[in-house]
C-alpha atoms as a PDB file:
ATOM      1  CA  MET A   1     -45.583 -17.558  23.409  1.00  0.00           C
ATOM      2  CA  LYS A   2     -47.134 -15.605  20.533  1.00  0.00           C
ATOM      3  CA  ASN A   3     -46.782 -11.852  20.216  1.00  0.00           C
ATOM      4  CA  ASP A   4     -49.703  -9.686  21.301  1.00  0.00           C
ATOM      5  CA  PRO A   5     -51.852  -8.958  18.176  1.00  0.00           C
ATOM      6  CA  LYS A   6     -52.411  -5.403  19.373  1.00  0.00           C
ATOM      7  CA  ILE A   7     -48.670  -4.775  19.553  1.00  0.00           C
ATOM      8  CA  GLU A   8     -48.189  -6.273  16.087  1.00  0.00           C
ATOM      9  CA  THR A   9     -50.956  -4.057  14.673  1.00  0.00           C
ATOM     10  CA  TRP A  10     -49.399  -0.988  16.300  1.00  0.00           C
ATOM     11  CA  LYS A  11     -46.018  -1.847  14.797  1.00  0.00           C
ATOM     12  CA  GLU A  12     -47.499  -2.393  11.343  1.00  0.00           C
ATOM     13  CA  LYS A  13     -49.295   0.965  11.394  1.00  0.00           C
ATOM     14  CA  TRP A  14     -46.203   2.882  12.481  1.00  0.00           C
ATOM     15  CA  HIS A  15     -44.025   0.938  10.046  1.00  0.00           C
ATOM     16  CA  GLU A  16     -46.279   2.081   7.207  1.00  0.00           C
ATOM     17  CA  ILE A  17     -46.126   5.699   8.388  1.00  0.00           C
ATOM     18  CA  ILE A  18     -42.357   5.798   9.011  1.00  0.00           C
ATOM     19  CA  TYR A  19     -40.999   3.664   6.162  1.00  0.00           C
ATOM     20  CA  GLU A  20     -43.507   4.248   3.360  1.00  0.00           C
ATOM     21  CA  ALA A  21     -44.519   7.399   1.486  1.00  0.00           C
ATOM     22  CA  ASP A  22     -47.502   6.184  -0.528  1.00  0.00           C
ATOM     23  CA  SER A  23     -50.033   6.864   2.220  1.00  0.00           C
ATOM     24  CA  LYS A  24     -51.102  10.354   3.270  1.00  0.00           C
ATOM     25  CA  ALA A  25     -49.684   9.807   6.763  1.00  0.00           C
ATOM     26  CA  GLY A  26     -46.401   8.540   5.317  1.00  0.00           C
ATOM     27  CA  LYS A  27     -46.010  11.548   3.028  1.00  0.00           C
ATOM     28  CA  THR A  28     -46.812  13.900   5.901  1.00  0.00           C
ATOM     29  CA  PHE A  29     -44.285  12.165   8.152  1.00  0.00           C
ATOM     30  CA  ASP A  30     -41.489  12.366   5.566  1.00  0.00           C
ATOM     31  CA  LEU A  31     -42.314  15.998   4.776  1.00  0.00           C
ATOM     32  CA  ILE A  32     -42.160  16.940   8.477  1.00  0.00           C
ATOM     33  CA  LEU A  33     -38.903  15.000   8.812  1.00  0.00           C
ATOM     34  CA  ILE A  34     -37.261  16.809   5.896  1.00  0.00           C
ATOM     35  CA  VAL A  35     -38.398  20.226   7.154  1.00  0.00           C
ATOM     36  CA  ALA A  36     -37.006  19.401  10.610  1.00  0.00           C
ATOM     37  CA  ILE A  37     -33.680  18.301   9.104  1.00  0.00           C
ATOM     38  CA  ILE A  38     -33.324  21.479   7.050  1.00  0.00           C
ATOM     39  CA  PHE A  39     -34.322  23.608  10.048  1.00  0.00           C
ATOM     40  CA  SER A  40     -31.734  21.864  12.216  1.00  0.00           C
ATOM     41  CA  ILE A  41     -28.962  22.387   9.657  1.00  0.00           C
ATOM     42  CA  ILE A  42     -29.843  26.075   9.359  1.00  0.00           C
ATOM     43  CA  LEU A  43     -29.731  26.364  13.154  1.00  0.00           C
ATOM     44  CA  VAL A  44     -26.239  24.916  13.476  1.00  0.00           C
ATOM     45  CA  MET A  45     -25.017  27.113  10.605  1.00  0.00           C
ATOM     46  CA  LEU A  46     -26.385  30.271  12.204  1.00  0.00           C
ATOM     47  CA  GLU A  47     -25.007  29.204  15.573  1.00  0.00           C
ATOM     48  CA  SER A  48     -21.507  29.172  14.090  1.00  0.00           C
ATOM     49  CA  VAL A  49     -21.818  32.913  13.357  1.00  0.00           C
ATOM     50  CA  GLU A  50     -20.481  34.577  16.507  1.00  0.00           C
ATOM     51  CA  GLU A  51     -22.729  37.656  16.370  1.00  0.00           C
ATOM     52  CA  LEU A  52     -25.891  35.565  16.049  1.00  0.00           C
ATOM     53  CA  ASP A  53     -24.785  32.999  18.611  1.00  0.00           C
ATOM     54  CA  ALA A  54     -24.084  35.705  21.178  1.00  0.00           C
ATOM     55  CA  LYS A  55     -27.577  37.100  20.719  1.00  0.00           C
ATOM     56  CA  TYR A  56     -29.643  33.930  20.271  1.00  0.00           C
ATOM     57  CA  HIS A  57     -27.521  31.228  21.928  1.00  0.00           C
ATOM     58  CA  ASN A  58     -30.254  30.012  24.285  1.00  0.00           C
ATOM     59  CA  PHE A  59     -32.780  29.778  21.446  1.00  0.00           C
ATOM     60  CA  PHE A  60     -30.360  27.836  19.236  1.00  0.00           C
ATOM     61  CA  ASN A  61     -29.513  25.445  22.057  1.00  0.00           C
ATOM     62  CA  ILE A  62     -33.123  24.756  23.079  1.00  0.00           C
ATOM     63  CA  ALA A  63     -34.305  24.367  19.476  1.00  0.00           C
ATOM     64  CA  GLU A  64     -31.529  21.899  18.653  1.00  0.00           C
ATOM     65  CA  TRP A  65     -32.277  19.858  21.778  1.00  0.00           C
ATOM     66  CA  VAL A  66     -35.957  19.671  20.833  1.00  0.00           C
ATOM     67  CA  ILE A  67     -35.087  18.499  17.321  1.00  0.00           C
ATOM     68  CA  THR A  68     -32.501  16.012  18.622  1.00  0.00           C
ATOM     69  CA  ILE A  69     -35.032  14.472  21.008  1.00  0.00           C
ATOM     70  CA  LEU A  70     -37.573  14.186  18.185  1.00  0.00           C
ATOM     71  CA  PHE A  71     -35.026  12.460  15.959  1.00  0.00           C
ATOM     72  CA  SER A  72     -34.059  10.175  18.836  1.00  0.00           C
ATOM     73  CA  ILE A  73     -37.698   9.097  19.202  1.00  0.00           C
ATOM     74  CA  GLU A  74     -37.907   8.576  15.439  1.00  0.00           C
ATOM     75  CA  TYR A  75     -34.725   6.455  15.479  1.00  0.00           C
ATOM     76  CA  VAL A  76     -36.104   4.247  18.258  1.00  0.00           C
ATOM     77  CA  LEU A  77     -39.426   3.868  16.415  1.00  0.00           C
ATOM     78  CA  ARG A  78     -37.611   2.790  13.269  1.00  0.00           C
ATOM     79  CA  ILE A  79     -35.890   0.062  15.276  1.00  0.00           C
ATOM     80  CA  VAL A  80     -38.941  -1.278  17.126  1.00  0.00           C
ATOM     81  CA  THR A  81     -41.263  -1.317  14.086  1.00  0.00           C
ATOM     82  CA  VAL A  82     -39.162  -3.755  12.033  1.00  0.00           C
ATOM     83  CA  LYS A  83     -38.969  -7.483  12.639  1.00  0.00           C
ATOM     84  CA  LYS A  84     -35.190  -7.559  12.219  1.00  0.00           C
ATOM     85  CA  PRO A  85     -33.786  -4.412  13.886  1.00  0.00           C
ATOM     86  CA  LYS A  86     -30.203  -5.259  12.877  1.00  0.00           C
ATOM     87  CA  GLN A  87     -31.196  -4.955   9.217  1.00  0.00           C
ATOM     88  CA  TYR A  88     -32.045  -1.307   9.831  1.00  0.00           C
ATOM     89  CA  ILE A  89     -29.364  -0.453  12.420  1.00  0.00           C
ATOM     90  CA  PHE A  90     -26.504  -1.565  10.159  1.00  0.00           C
ATOM     91  CA  SER A  91     -28.057  -0.377   6.906  1.00  0.00           C
ATOM     92  CA  PHE A  92     -26.852   2.775   5.146  1.00  0.00           C
ATOM     93  CA  TYR A  93     -29.784   4.874   6.356  1.00  0.00           C
ATOM     94  CA  GLY A  94     -29.642   3.324   9.822  1.00  0.00           C
ATOM     95  CA  ILE A  95     -26.007   4.355  10.269  1.00  0.00           C
ATOM     96  CA  ILE A  96     -26.707   7.836   8.908  1.00  0.00           C
ATOM     97  CA  ASP A  97     -29.703   8.228  11.246  1.00  0.00           C
ATOM     98  CA  PHE A  98     -27.536   7.232  14.204  1.00  0.00           C
ATOM     99  CA  LEU A  99     -24.639   9.513  13.258  1.00  0.00           C
ATOM    100  CA  SER A 100     -26.995  12.436  12.744  1.00  0.00           C
ATOM    101  CA  THR A 101     -28.632  11.962  16.152  1.00  0.00           C
ATOM    102  CA  ILE A 102     -25.664  11.600  18.509  1.00  0.00           C
ATOM    103  CA  PRO A 103     -23.696  14.864  17.895  1.00  0.00           C
ATOM    104  CA  LYS A 104     -25.812  16.931  20.299  1.00  0.00           C
ATOM    105  CA  TYR A 105     -25.386  14.316  23.011  1.00  0.00           C
ATOM    106  CA  LEU A 106     -21.641  14.210  22.333  1.00  0.00           C
ATOM    107  CA  SER A 107     -21.498  17.993  22.749  1.00  0.00           C
ATOM    108  CA  LEU A 108     -22.165  17.428  26.462  1.00  0.00           C
ATOM    109  CA  PHE A 109     -18.792  15.712  26.713  1.00  0.00           C
ATOM    110  CA  ILE A 110     -16.791  16.972  23.696  1.00  0.00           C
ATOM    111  CA  GLY A 111     -16.627  20.663  22.832  1.00  0.00           C
ATOM    112  CA  GLY A 112     -17.503  21.502  19.236  1.00  0.00           C
ATOM    113  CA  ALA A 113     -19.034  18.095  18.484  1.00  0.00           C
ATOM    114  CA  HIS A 114     -22.418  19.729  17.895  1.00  0.00           C
ATOM    115  CA  ALA A 115     -21.103  21.001  14.553  1.00  0.00           C
ATOM    116  CA  LEU A 116     -21.226  17.401  13.340  1.00  0.00           C
ATOM    117  CA  VAL A 117     -24.999  17.823  13.201  1.00  0.00           C
ATOM    118  CA  ALA A 118     -24.340  18.842   9.591  1.00  0.00           C
ATOM    119  CA  LEU A 119     -24.117  15.097   8.903  1.00  0.00           C
ATOM    120  CA  ARG A 120     -27.891  15.233   9.175  1.00  0.00           C
ATOM    121  CA  ALA A 121     -27.844  16.615   5.640  1.00  0.00           C
ATOM    122  CA  LEU A 122     -27.273  13.069   4.389  1.00  0.00           C
ATOM    123  CA  ARG A 123     -30.730  12.126   5.629  1.00  0.00           C
ATOM    124  CA  LEU A 124     -32.147  14.350   2.892  1.00  0.00           C
ATOM    125  CA  LEU A 125     -31.442  11.393   0.613  1.00  0.00           C
ATOM    126  CA  ARG A 126     -34.845  10.165   1.779  1.00  0.00           C
ATOM    127  CA  ILE A 127     -36.382  12.771  -0.503  1.00  0.00           C
ATOM    128  CA  PHE A 128     -35.397  10.520  -3.427  1.00  0.00           C
ATOM    129  CA  ARG A 129     -37.965   7.994  -2.168  1.00  0.00           C
ATOM    130  CA  ILE A 130     -40.741  10.585  -1.780  1.00  0.00           C
ATOM    131  CA  LEU A 131     -40.268  12.060  -5.221  1.00  0.00           C
ATOM    132  CA  LYS A 132     -40.048   8.570  -6.732  1.00  0.00           C
ATOM    133  CA  LEU A 133     -37.843   9.941  -9.461  1.00  0.00           C
ATOM    134  CA  VAL A 134     -37.921   6.754 -11.491  1.00  0.00           C
ATOM    135  CA  ARG A 135     -41.496   7.579 -12.445  1.00  0.00           C
ATOM    136  CA  PHE A 136     -40.369  10.731 -14.236  1.00  0.00           C
ATOM    137  CA  VAL A 137     -37.357   9.506 -16.192  1.00  0.00           C
ATOM    138  CA  GLY A 138     -38.116  10.110 -19.836  1.00  0.00           C
ATOM    139  CA  ALA A 139     -36.062  10.614 -22.969  1.00  0.00           C
ATOM    140  CA  THR A 140     -36.412  11.953 -26.496  1.00  0.00           C
ATOM    141  CA  ASN A 141     -34.154  12.923 -29.373  1.00  0.00           C
ATOM    142  CA  THR A 142     -34.549  16.661 -28.929  1.00  0.00           C
ATOM    143  CA  LEU A 143     -32.582  18.826 -26.540  1.00  0.00           C
ATOM    144  CA  GLY A 144     -35.650  20.533 -25.090  1.00  0.00           C
ATOM    145  CA  LYS A 145     -37.375  17.286 -24.243  1.00  0.00           C
ATOM    146  CA  ALA A 146     -34.124  15.803 -22.964  1.00  0.00           C
ATOM    147  CA  LEU A 147     -33.655  18.683 -20.536  1.00  0.00           C
ATOM    148  CA  LYS A 148     -37.253  18.391 -19.400  1.00  0.00           C
ATOM    149  CA  ALA A 149     -36.946  14.644 -18.924  1.00  0.00           C
ATOM    150  CA  SER A 150     -33.697  14.929 -16.960  1.00  0.00           C
ATOM    151  CA  ARG A 151     -34.714  17.864 -14.776  1.00  0.00           C
ATOM    152  CA  PHE A 152     -35.335  15.657 -11.752  1.00  0.00           C
ATOM    153  CA  LYS A 153     -31.984  13.877 -12.142  1.00  0.00           C
ATOM    154  CA  ILE A 154     -30.250  17.234 -12.385  1.00  0.00           C
ATOM    155  CA  LEU A 155     -32.132  18.411  -9.289  1.00  0.00           C
ATOM    156  CA  VAL A 156     -30.973  15.302  -7.432  1.00  0.00           C
ATOM    157  CA  PHE A 157     -27.414  15.941  -8.641  1.00  0.00           C
ATOM    158  CA  ILE A 158     -27.484  19.553  -7.438  1.00  0.00           C
ATOM    159  CA  SER A 159     -28.921  18.413  -4.100  1.00  0.00           C
ATOM    160  CA  ALA A 160     -26.091  15.877  -3.730  1.00  0.00           C
ATOM    161  CA  VAL A 161     -23.498  18.577  -4.517  1.00  0.00           C
ATOM    162  CA  MET A 162     -25.004  20.878  -1.882  1.00  0.00           C
ATOM    163  CA  ILE A 163     -24.915  18.063   0.678  1.00  0.00           C
ATOM    164  CA  ILE A 164     -21.238  17.465  -0.108  1.00  0.00           C
ATOM    165  CA  CYS A 165     -20.505  21.194   0.245  1.00  0.00           C
ATOM    166  CA  VAL A 166     -22.247  21.346   3.623  1.00  0.00           C
ATOM    167  CA  ILE A 167     -20.227  18.403   4.960  1.00  0.00           C
ATOM    168  CA  ILE A 168     -16.901  19.572   3.501  1.00  0.00           C
ATOM    169  CA  GLY A 169     -17.510  23.123   4.726  1.00  0.00           C
ATOM    170  CA  THR A 170     -18.243  21.870   8.239  1.00  0.00           C
ATOM    171  CA  MET A 171     -15.106  19.719   8.217  1.00  0.00           C
ATOM    172  CA  MET A 172     -13.001  22.685   7.062  1.00  0.00           C
ATOM    173  CA  TYR A 173     -14.518  24.874   9.770  1.00  0.00           C
ATOM    174  CA  LEU A 174     -13.481  22.303  12.390  1.00  0.00           C
ATOM    175  CA  ILE A 175     -10.000  21.795  10.895  1.00  0.00           C
ATOM    176  CA  GLU A 176      -8.979  25.378  10.072  1.00  0.00           C
ATOM    177  CA  GLY A 177     -11.113  27.746  12.157  1.00  0.00           C
ATOM    178  CA  ASP A 178     -10.720  31.515  12.512  1.00  0.00           C
ATOM    179  CA  PRO A 179      -6.918  31.779  11.967  1.00  0.00           C
ATOM    180  CA  SER A 180      -7.263  30.664   8.342  1.00  0.00           C
ATOM    181  CA  GLY A 181     -10.373  32.716   7.609  1.00  0.00           C
ATOM    182  CA  PHE A 182     -12.923  29.942   8.118  1.00  0.00           C
ATOM    183  CA  THR A 183     -14.831  32.002  10.661  1.00  0.00           C
ATOM    184  CA  SER A 184     -18.186  30.226  10.345  1.00  0.00           C
ATOM    185  CA  ILE A 185     -19.821  27.231   8.695  1.00  0.00           C
ATOM    186  CA  PRO A 186     -21.606  29.343   6.031  1.00  0.00           C
ATOM    187  CA  ARG A 187     -18.270  30.956   5.065  1.00  0.00           C
ATOM    188  CA  SER A 188     -16.628  27.533   4.990  1.00  0.00           C
ATOM    189  CA  ILE A 189     -19.427  26.212   2.759  1.00  0.00           C
ATOM    190  CA  TYR A 190     -18.850  29.199   0.473  1.00  0.00           C
ATOM    191  CA  TRP A 191     -15.196  28.113   0.199  1.00  0.00           C
ATOM    192  CA  ALA A 192     -16.280  24.531  -0.547  1.00  0.00           C
ATOM    193  CA  ILE A 193     -18.599  25.681  -3.353  1.00  0.00           C
ATOM    194  CA  VAL A 194     -15.941  27.946  -4.885  1.00  0.00           C
ATOM    195  CA  THR A 195     -13.354  25.161  -4.731  1.00  0.00           C
ATOM    196  CA  LEU A 196     -15.611  22.321  -5.886  1.00  0.00           C
ATOM    197  CA  THR A 197     -16.746  24.295  -8.939  1.00  0.00           C
ATOM    198  CA  THR A 198     -13.058  25.045  -9.747  1.00  0.00           C
ATOM    199  CA  VAL A 199     -13.719  28.816  -9.582  1.00  0.00           C
ATOM    200  CA  GLY A 200     -11.050  29.383  -6.937  1.00  0.00           C
ATOM    201  CA  TYR A 201     -11.314  33.043  -5.884  1.00  0.00           C
ATOM    202  CA  GLY A 202      -8.485  32.567  -3.393  1.00  0.00           C
ATOM    203  CA  ASP A 203      -9.933  34.947  -0.783  1.00  0.00           C
ATOM    204  CA  ILE A 204      -9.638  32.216   1.870  1.00  0.00           C
ATOM    205  CA  ALA A 205      -7.422  29.160   1.802  1.00  0.00           C
ATOM    206  CA  PRO A 206      -6.491  26.338   4.194  1.00  0.00           C
ATOM    207  CA  GLN A 207      -3.191  26.676   6.020  1.00  0.00           C
ATOM    208  CA  THR A 208      -2.845  23.323   7.805  1.00  0.00           C
ATOM    209  CA  ALA A 209      -1.593  20.146   6.157  1.00  0.00           C
ATOM    210  CA  ILE A 210      -4.868  18.310   6.780  1.00  0.00           C
ATOM    211  CA  GLY A 211      -6.866  21.235   5.407  1.00  0.00           C
ATOM    212  CA  GLN A 212      -4.717  21.407   2.277  1.00  0.00           C
ATOM    213  CA  LEU A 213      -5.084  17.647   1.772  1.00  0.00           C
ATOM    214  CA  LEU A 214      -8.876  17.949   2.012  1.00  0.00           C
ATOM    215  CA  ALA A 215      -8.788  20.919  -0.380  1.00  0.00           C
ATOM    216  CA  SER A 216      -6.789  18.870  -2.886  1.00  0.00           C
ATOM    217  CA  LEU A 217      -9.368  16.090  -2.787  1.00  0.00           C
ATOM    218  CA  VAL A 218     -12.165  18.631  -3.291  1.00  0.00           C
ATOM    219  CA  MET A 219     -10.377  20.103  -6.334  1.00  0.00           C
ATOM    220  CA  ILE A 220      -9.965  16.674  -7.925  1.00  0.00           C
ATOM    221  CA  LEU A 221     -13.575  15.822  -7.143  1.00  0.00           C
ATOM    222  CA  GLY A 222     -14.645  19.053  -8.821  1.00  0.00           C
ATOM    223  CA  TYR A 223     -13.365  17.948 -12.224  1.00  0.00           C
ATOM    224  CA  GLY A 224     -15.509  14.810 -12.090  1.00  0.00           C
ATOM    225  CA  ILE A 225     -18.615  16.613 -10.877  1.00  0.00           C
ATOM    226  CA  ILE A 226     -18.556  19.211 -13.671  1.00  0.00           C
ATOM    227  CA  ALA A 227     -19.043  16.518 -16.333  1.00  0.00           C
ATOM    228  CA  ILE A 228     -22.045  14.825 -14.693  1.00  0.00           C
ATOM    229  CA  PRO A 229     -24.872  17.187 -15.837  1.00  0.00           C
ATOM    230  CA  THR A 230     -23.674  16.920 -19.440  1.00  0.00           C
ATOM    231  CA  GLY A 231     -23.655  13.134 -19.140  1.00  0.00           C
ATOM    232  CA  ILE A 232     -27.174  13.075 -17.720  1.00  0.00           C
ATOM    233  CA  VAL A 233     -28.597  15.099 -20.609  1.00  0.00           C
ATOM    234  CA  SER A 234     -26.569  13.153 -23.191  1.00  0.00           C
ATOM    235  CA  VAL A 235     -27.903   9.841 -21.933  1.00  0.00           C
ATOM    236  CA  GLU A 236     -31.450  11.157 -22.061  1.00  0.00           C
ATOM    237  CA  MET A 237     -30.957  12.345 -25.644  1.00  0.00           C
ATOM    238  CA  ALA A 238     -29.514   8.988 -26.701  1.00  0.00           C
ATOM    239  CA  LYS A 239     -32.532   7.028 -25.520  1.00  0.00           C
ATOM    240  CA  ASP A 240     -35.196   6.237 -28.063  1.00  0.00           C
ATOM    241  CA  LYS A 241     -37.803   5.234 -25.596  1.00  0.00           C
ATOM    242  CA  ALA A 242     -38.110   5.495 -21.815  1.00  0.00           C
ATOM    243  CA  PRO A 243     -39.045   2.303 -19.989  1.00  0.00           C
ATOM    244  CA  ASN A 244     -42.335   2.172 -18.135  1.00  0.00           C
ATOM    245  CA  ILE A 245     -41.243   1.674 -14.542  1.00  0.00           C
ATOM    246  CA  HIS A 246     -43.901   1.602 -11.874  1.00  0.00           C
ATOM    247  CA  LEU A 247     -42.491   1.330  -8.392  1.00  0.00           C
ATOM    248  CA  ASN A 248     -43.863   2.340  -5.027  1.00  0.00           C
ATOM    249  CA  THR A 249     -42.428   2.989  -1.591  1.00  0.00           C
ATOM    250  CA  LEU A 250     -43.725  -0.168   0.086  1.00  0.00           C
ATOM    251  CA  SER A 251     -41.118  -1.249   2.621  1.00  0.00           C
ATOM    252  CA  CYS A 252     -40.837  -4.829   3.876  1.00  0.00           C
ATOM    253  CA  GLN A 253     -41.246  -5.001   7.649  1.00  0.00           C
ATOM    254  CA  ASN A 254     -39.055  -8.099   7.764  1.00  0.00           C
ATOM    255  CA  CYS A 255     -35.961  -7.126   5.732  1.00  0.00           C
ATOM    256  CA  SER A 256     -36.580  -3.379   5.087  1.00  0.00           C
ATOM    257  CA  ALA A 257     -36.330  -3.783   1.309  1.00  0.00           C
ATOM    258  CA  ASP A 258     -38.241  -1.114  -0.614  1.00  0.00           C
ATOM    259  CA  ASN A 259     -39.022  -0.067  -4.219  1.00  0.00           C
ATOM    260  CA  HIS A 260     -41.502  -2.885  -4.837  1.00  0.00           C
ATOM    261  CA  ASN A 261     -43.570  -3.035  -8.005  1.00  0.00           C
ATOM    262  CA  ASP A 262     -47.073  -1.621  -7.886  1.00  0.00           C
ATOM    263  CA  GLY A 263     -49.486  -4.338  -6.813  1.00  0.00           C
ATOM    264  CA  ALA A 264     -46.761  -6.521  -5.257  1.00  0.00           C
ATOM    265  CA  GLU A 265     -48.086  -8.711  -2.453  1.00  0.00           C
ATOM    266  CA  PHE A 266     -44.807 -10.247  -1.335  1.00  0.00           C
ATOM    267  CA  CYS A 267     -41.279  -8.898  -0.809  1.00  0.00           C
ATOM    268  CA  TYR A 268     -38.983  -9.598  -3.766  1.00  0.00           C
ATOM    269  CA  LYS A 269     -36.052 -10.104  -1.381  1.00  0.00           C
ATOM    270  CA  CYS A 270     -37.300 -12.299   1.483  1.00  0.00           C
ATOM    271  CA  GLY A 271     -40.813 -13.333   0.401  1.00  0.00           C
ATOM    272  CA  GLU A 272     -42.544 -11.691   3.386  1.00  0.00           C
ATOM    273  CA  GLU A 273     -46.158 -10.644   2.771  1.00  0.00           C
ATOM    274  CA  LEU A 274     -46.382  -6.874   2.281  1.00  0.00           C
END
């Protein structure tokens, strides 16, 4: 029995909106998604501040439930609009989408699990696809042009560092809590930034063995992160000529592969017609 053409058309339209950013609807969808993610992260951060939570607890709770339901609908749509749902479910983004959706539901059964909503920060990686950074990678032999050409890479790097700080700060807040001075997620993120950048004010410090182990890993990671911006600019300066790369955000409905060349009619991975 063949699939209903109307259902197939509906799936194709929503697949284009959800998975691709070249169309106006796709760009709007991704923009709304990113704003909702940022708003949700801000909510859970503010909720961890006792004074604000005591005053606006009901608002925080209702707002987070609304956002969680919206993301749940989005997750289901991503599954039903692809021909091979397993490809998406077990992909990197599929796992991240799932992990970022379930914390609020888990909070009904496990106290404090809602703080794991900070994992939603990882979904901001989708902004890489919208910006299509590969279009803007350029290089010259002068420092000024090198900095200009690498500004988007540096922006991506800074965004990645902030995501790491949000996740590490949330983990520290759950591990240490008030006794060690980690009284809220924003304060814990402050500690993560100070530690990751090797500044080390020492005003707050982990007291538990697990917290100290995590802090040690953050300190070691900090040494590697400091060198990255210099490497980005150096590589740009060393290039004589930037390659002309023209990619788009077309996503294959069959295997979910993206980053196809402009004008591509078939998927480079599975051969499905785009």
